[in-house]
Amino acid sequence: MAYPGLFTRDGAECVATLRAAEATMLRRVFSEIAALVGEPMGSDPAIARLFPDAYRDDPEEAAEFRQLTEDDLRAAKVDQAGVVLATLPADGGEVRLDAEQAEDWLRALTDARLALGVRVEITDDTDLTDELDDAAMRDPTGARALQLSVYGYLTYLQESLVDALSEP
């Protein structure tokens, strides 16, 4: 049996068995993501990360592009989080995803990792293991240790889904 939470390929489907705690945590994360993407642009850096300007050097072009695309992009992100929520077993158990659902999961996992990464200040230079070790040493039950653990789990889950999709 594969490690719980690890996606594997079963024919045309990607399959994982989630523990109840994993399903509960994922339900919370993706409920929060669905709510977050519904918030207006403003000073929240997580929103800015999920909806970056298409033209960084031209605010006028960026505003025009945003006006044309933002509603559809927001709706797609809410829908993708909704697919995750709809396919999560209530109390843990098996998740079976067809190719389209798996793609929605990947996009939603990316959004969750981007938003959480902003919140816990993950950068390209961050060594997650070192950060998690440091946070656990300071306060093993603290918010930062928990958030970094969730970020690590989302990364692991996303990598396992990519690997499962890559299997023949």
Foldseek 3Di string as FASTA:
>chain_A
DDDALFWAADPQKTKGWHAQVRLVVLLVLLVVLLVVLPDDDDDQVLNCQLQPFPDPVDVVVSVVVCVVPSVVSSVLLNVLSVLSNVQRDNRITMGIGGPVNLVSLLVNLVSSLSSLCVVLVPDPPDDLVVQLVVVCVVPVPDPNNVSSVVSVSSVNSSVSSVVNVPDD
